[in-house]
Protein backbone atom coordinates (compact mmCIF):
# COMPACT_ATOMS: atom_id res chain seq x y z
CA MET A 1 68.41 -73.35 55.50
CA LYS A 2 67.31 -72.03 58.90
CA MET A 3 64.15 -74.17 58.72
CA LEU A 4 66.21 -77.26 57.90
CA ASN A 5 68.49 -76.68 60.90
CA GLN A 6 65.46 -76.32 63.20
CA MET A 7 63.96 -79.55 61.87
CA ILE A 8 67.24 -81.38 62.40
CA LEU A 9 67.43 -80.10 65.98
CA VAL A 10 63.84 -81.22 66.64
CA ILE A 11 64.54 -84.68 65.22
CA ILE A 12 67.72 -85.02 67.29
CA GLY A 13 65.84 -83.89 70.40
CA LEU A 14 63.07 -86.43 69.84
CA PHE A 15 65.63 -89.17 69.23
CA LEU A 16 67.48 -88.37 72.44
CA PHE A 17 64.28 -88.13 74.48
CA THR A 18 62.81 -91.40 73.25
CA GLY A 19 66.16 -93.15 73.57
CA CYS A 20 66.42 -92.15 77.23
CA ALA A 21 62.82 -93.05 77.99
CA ARG A 22 62.91 -96.74 77.17
CA ASP A 23 61.23 -99.22 79.49
CA MET A 24 63.44 -101.25 81.82
CA ILE A 25 62.99 -103.95 84.44
CA LEU A 26 63.52 -102.86 88.05
CA GLU A 27 66.15 -104.93 89.85
CA LYS A 28 66.47 -105.33 93.63
CA ASN A 29 69.63 -103.20 93.82
CA HIS A 30 67.60 -100.20 92.57
CA VAL A 31 64.75 -100.58 95.08
CA TYR A 32 64.73 -98.39 98.18
CA SER A 33 62.80 -99.31 101.33
CA LEU A 34 61.95 -102.80 100.06
CA LYS A 35 59.45 -104.37 102.44
CA THR A 36 57.84 -107.82 102.48
CA GLU A 37 54.98 -108.67 104.80
CA CYS A 38 53.05 -111.94 105.09
CA ILE A 39 49.38 -111.68 105.99
CA LEU A 40 46.45 -114.06 106.38
CA GLU A 41 43.07 -113.12 104.91
CA HIS A 42 40.08 -115.43 104.97
CA GLY A 43 42.33 -118.45 105.49
CA GLU A 44 44.57 -117.53 102.53
CA GLU A 45 48.21 -116.48 102.80
CA TYR A 46 49.40 -113.36 100.95
CA LEU A 47 52.69 -111.53 100.59
CA ILE A 48 52.66 -107.75 100.31
CA VAL A 49 55.75 -106.35 98.60
CA SER A 50 56.35 -102.61 98.54
CA GLY A 51 59.17 -100.20 97.85
CA LEU A 52 60.39 -97.24 95.86
CA CYS A 53 62.06 -97.26 92.46
CA GLY A 54 65.44 -95.62 92.92
CA HIS A 55 66.43 -95.59 89.26
CA SER A 56 66.84 -91.94 88.32
CA ALA A 57 63.60 -90.32 87.07
CA TYR A 58 61.92 -93.65 86.33
CA GLY A 59 58.72 -94.92 87.88
CA VAL A 60 56.56 -98.01 87.86
CA LYS A 61 54.68 -98.70 84.64
CA SER A 62 53.40 -102.21 85.34
CA ILE A 63 53.86 -105.18 87.67
CA SER A 64 53.40 -108.87 86.95
CA SER A 65 53.88 -111.85 89.26
CA PRO A 66 53.62 -115.17 87.41
CA LYS A 67 54.13 -118.43 89.28
CA LEU A 68 56.78 -120.76 87.89
CA GLY A 69 56.90 -124.09 89.70
CA ASN A 70 57.36 -123.37 93.39
CA LYS A 71 58.49 -119.77 92.79
CA VAL A 72 56.76 -116.47 92.12
CA ILE A 73 58.72 -114.06 89.95
CA ILE A 74 57.87 -110.36 90.29
CA THR A 75 58.67 -108.27 87.24
CA ILE A 76 58.34 -104.50 87.62
CA VAL A 77 58.51 -102.56 84.36
CA ILE A 78 59.71 -99.00 84.85
CA SER A 79 59.57 -96.06 82.50
CA TYR A 80 60.48 -92.38 82.48
CA GLY A 81 58.34 -89.84 84.33
CA LEU A 82 56.03 -92.09 86.38
CA ARG A 83 55.46 -92.54 90.13
CA GLY A 84 58.24 -94.48 91.77
CA ASP A 85 56.45 -96.18 94.64
CA PHE A 86 54.85 -99.60 94.29
CA LYS A 87 52.86 -102.13 96.28
CA ILE A 88 51.71 -105.57 95.18
CA LYS A 89 49.74 -108.26 96.98
CA ILE A 90 50.54 -111.83 95.91
CA LYS A 91 48.58 -114.93 96.89
CA LEU A 92 50.99 -117.54 98.25
CA ASP A 93 49.86 -121.04 97.40
CA LYS A 94 51.07 -123.71 99.84
CA ASP A 95 53.69 -124.97 97.36
CA VAL A 96 55.35 -121.55 96.87
CA ARG A 97 58.82 -121.62 98.44
CA GLU A 98 60.40 -118.40 97.11
CA VAL A 99 59.51 -115.01 95.69
CA LEU A 100 62.06 -113.52 93.30
CA LEU A 101 62.41 -109.98 91.95
CA GLY A 102 63.66 -108.80 88.56
CA ASN A 103 65.49 -110.41 85.69
CA ASP A 104 68.39 -111.34 87.95
CA GLY A 105 66.06 -113.37 90.19
CA SER A 106 67.00 -111.83 93.53
CA VAL A 107 65.32 -113.73 96.35
CA ILE A 108 63.16 -111.35 98.43
CA TRP A 109 61.15 -113.93 100.41
CA THR A 110 61.45 -117.61 101.33
CA ARG A 111 59.08 -119.89 103.16
CA ASN A 112 60.46 -121.14 106.45
CA VAL A 113 60.08 -124.89 106.42
CA THR A 114 60.95 -126.72 109.61
CA PRO A 115 61.97 -130.36 109.07
CA ILE A 116 60.09 -132.96 111.10
């Protein structure tokens, strides 16, 4: 009986730990010290985006930045127990007008276009 109780406690502990450690997408409202910086390198324009995950004990697991039309969408996957700081360098093609962050699509950069 004692062995059964210990096994049940271990199973419950594992369930609680894995349930709390699920991956999530970092949204702008949980980023501290968000910084965007445009740079030119070898005639190409880049955007450097950096910050710190402020979502409890979560840190950055992976970052992707696919282009969709004239937008770049940054998706930062966070998970339990990893480093919280991040930095990504994105090539800005001439047709890119906005860079968005997270599932909610928060705009973190826009191209200034002056009408003629």
